[in-house]
Amino acid sequence: MSSGFGLVVRFTLRDEAAAAGFDELVAQTLPEIRKHEPGTLAYVVHSVPGEALIRVFYELYVDKAAFEAHEEQEHTKHFLAARGEFLEGFEVTFLEAQTGKGPVSS
């Protein structure tokens, strides 16, 4: 399998107003990721049926260097600084590809 670098982030939002604010912040950030990050292969934001205050991000990068480049972007820095006002908490899980089918292959 590839040397792609991935992660999953599960965000718990404080309340419905915070969820709306967080969703707006995401909507402002995603176009910048699409425009400026060729090494970001997937950046998918999920809601969870029956859990209105949960958002799950799935992120896949060409490699760890592409993830680090993502973290250094101004739009990412803005998102990371602003997200706290909406959150009750979050959990990050880093992923190593074992096998499968995807946009990065060896």
Protein backbone atom coordinates (compact mmCIF):
# COMPACT_ATOMS: atom_id res chain seq x y z
CA MET A 1 0.00 0.00 0.00
CA SER A 2 1.05 3.62 -0.28
CA SER A 3 2.90 5.85 2.10
CA GLY A 4 -0.15 8.15 2.33
CA PHE A 5 -0.76 9.84 5.65
CA GLY A 6 -4.26 9.99 7.15
CA LEU A 7 -6.18 10.98 10.20
CA VAL A 8 -9.68 11.08 11.62
CA VAL A 9 -10.81 13.87 13.92
CA ARG A 10 -14.02 13.61 15.95
CA PHE A 11 -15.31 16.97 17.17
CA THR A 12 -17.96 17.35 19.88
CA LEU A 13 -19.68 20.72 19.62
CA ARG A 14 -21.10 22.62 22.60
CA ASP A 15 -24.65 23.20 21.38
CA GLU A 16 -26.68 23.82 18.23
CA ALA A 17 -25.50 27.43 17.91
CA ALA A 18 -21.89 26.26 18.20
CA ALA A 19 -22.57 23.59 15.55
CA ALA A 20 -23.84 26.26 13.16
CA GLY A 21 -20.79 28.44 13.82
CA PHE A 22 -18.42 25.50 13.39
CA ASP A 23 -20.09 24.52 10.12
CA GLU A 24 -19.66 28.09 8.85
CA LEU A 25 -15.98 28.05 9.82
CA VAL A 26 -15.56 24.79 7.90
CA ALA A 27 -17.39 26.27 4.89
CA GLN A 28 -14.90 29.17 4.87
CA THR A 29 -11.88 26.87 5.18
CA LEU A 30 -12.64 24.14 2.63
CA PRO A 31 -12.34 26.29 -0.53
CA GLU A 32 -8.84 27.33 0.57
CA ILE A 33 -7.83 23.70 1.09
CA ARG A 34 -9.10 22.83 -2.39
CA LYS A 35 -7.31 25.81 -3.93
CA HIS A 36 -3.93 25.70 -2.19
CA GLU A 37 -3.21 22.11 -1.14
CA PRO A 38 -2.37 19.69 -3.96
CA GLY A 39 -0.99 17.21 -1.40
CA THR A 40 -4.35 16.97 0.36
CA LEU A 41 -6.04 14.04 -1.37
CA ALA A 42 -9.21 13.93 0.74
CA TYR A 43 -10.63 16.30 3.34
CA VAL A 44 -14.14 15.11 4.05
CA VAL A 45 -16.39 16.50 6.77
CA HIS A 46 -19.10 14.17 8.06
CA SER A 47 -22.11 14.67 10.27
CA VAL A 48 -23.29 11.69 12.31
CA PRO A 49 -26.94 10.60 12.05
CA GLY A 50 -28.61 10.91 15.44
CA GLU A 51 -25.70 12.93 16.90
CA ALA A 52 -26.32 16.54 15.89
CA LEU A 53 -23.34 17.87 17.84
CA ILE A 54 -20.72 15.58 16.30
CA ARG A 55 -18.58 16.25 13.23
CA VAL A 56 -16.00 13.79 11.93
CA PHE A 57 -13.20 14.80 9.57
CA TYR A 58 -11.42 12.26 7.40
CA GLU A 59 -8.17 13.62 6.00
CA LEU A 60 -5.81 11.89 3.58
CA TYR A 61 -2.52 13.39 2.42
CA VAL A 62 0.08 12.24 -0.10
CA ASP A 63 2.54 11.91 2.77
CA LYS A 64 3.37 13.38 6.16
CA ALA A 65 5.11 16.35 4.53
CA ALA A 66 1.82 17.25 2.78
CA PHE A 67 0.04 17.11 6.15
CA GLU A 68 2.71 19.36 7.66
CA ALA A 69 2.28 21.77 4.73
CA HIS A 70 -1.48 21.77 5.41
CA GLU A 71 -0.84 22.67 9.05
CA GLU A 72 1.30 25.67 7.99
CA GLN A 73 -1.35 27.22 5.71
CA GLU A 74 -2.90 30.48 6.93
CA HIS A 75 -6.43 29.12 6.46
CA THR A 76 -5.58 26.09 8.59
CA LYS A 77 -4.00 28.23 11.29
CA HIS A 78 -7.15 30.39 11.31
CA PHE A 79 -9.38 27.30 11.60
CA LEU A 80 -7.30 25.85 14.44
CA ALA A 81 -7.35 29.16 16.34
CA ALA A 82 -11.09 29.77 15.85
CA ARG A 83 -12.52 26.29 16.38
CA GLY A 84 -12.14 26.34 20.17
CA GLU A 85 -15.08 28.66 20.73
CA PHE A 86 -17.41 25.99 19.30
CA LEU A 87 -15.98 22.84 20.86
CA GLU A 88 -16.67 20.78 23.92
CA GLY A 89 -13.79 18.56 22.86
CA PHE A 90 -12.11 16.62 20.07
CA GLU A 91 -10.17 13.42 19.48
CA VAL A 92 -7.53 12.85 16.79
CA THR A 93 -6.58 9.42 15.46
CA PHE A 94 -3.62 9.19 13.09
CA LEU A 95 -3.80 6.41 10.50
CA GLU A 96 -1.29 4.22 8.67
CA ALA A 97 -2.50 2.58 5.47
CA GLN A 98 -2.26 -1.22 5.59
CA THR A 99 -4.07 -2.25 2.41
CA GLY A 100 -6.91 -1.12 0.22
CA LYS A 101 -7.87 0.94 -2.80
CA GLY A 102 -7.41 4.68 -2.95
CA PRO A 103 -5.91 7.61 -4.76
CA VAL A 104 -2.41 6.79 -3.50
CA SER A 105 -0.96 3.44 -4.42
CA SER A 106 2.40 1.78 -4.65
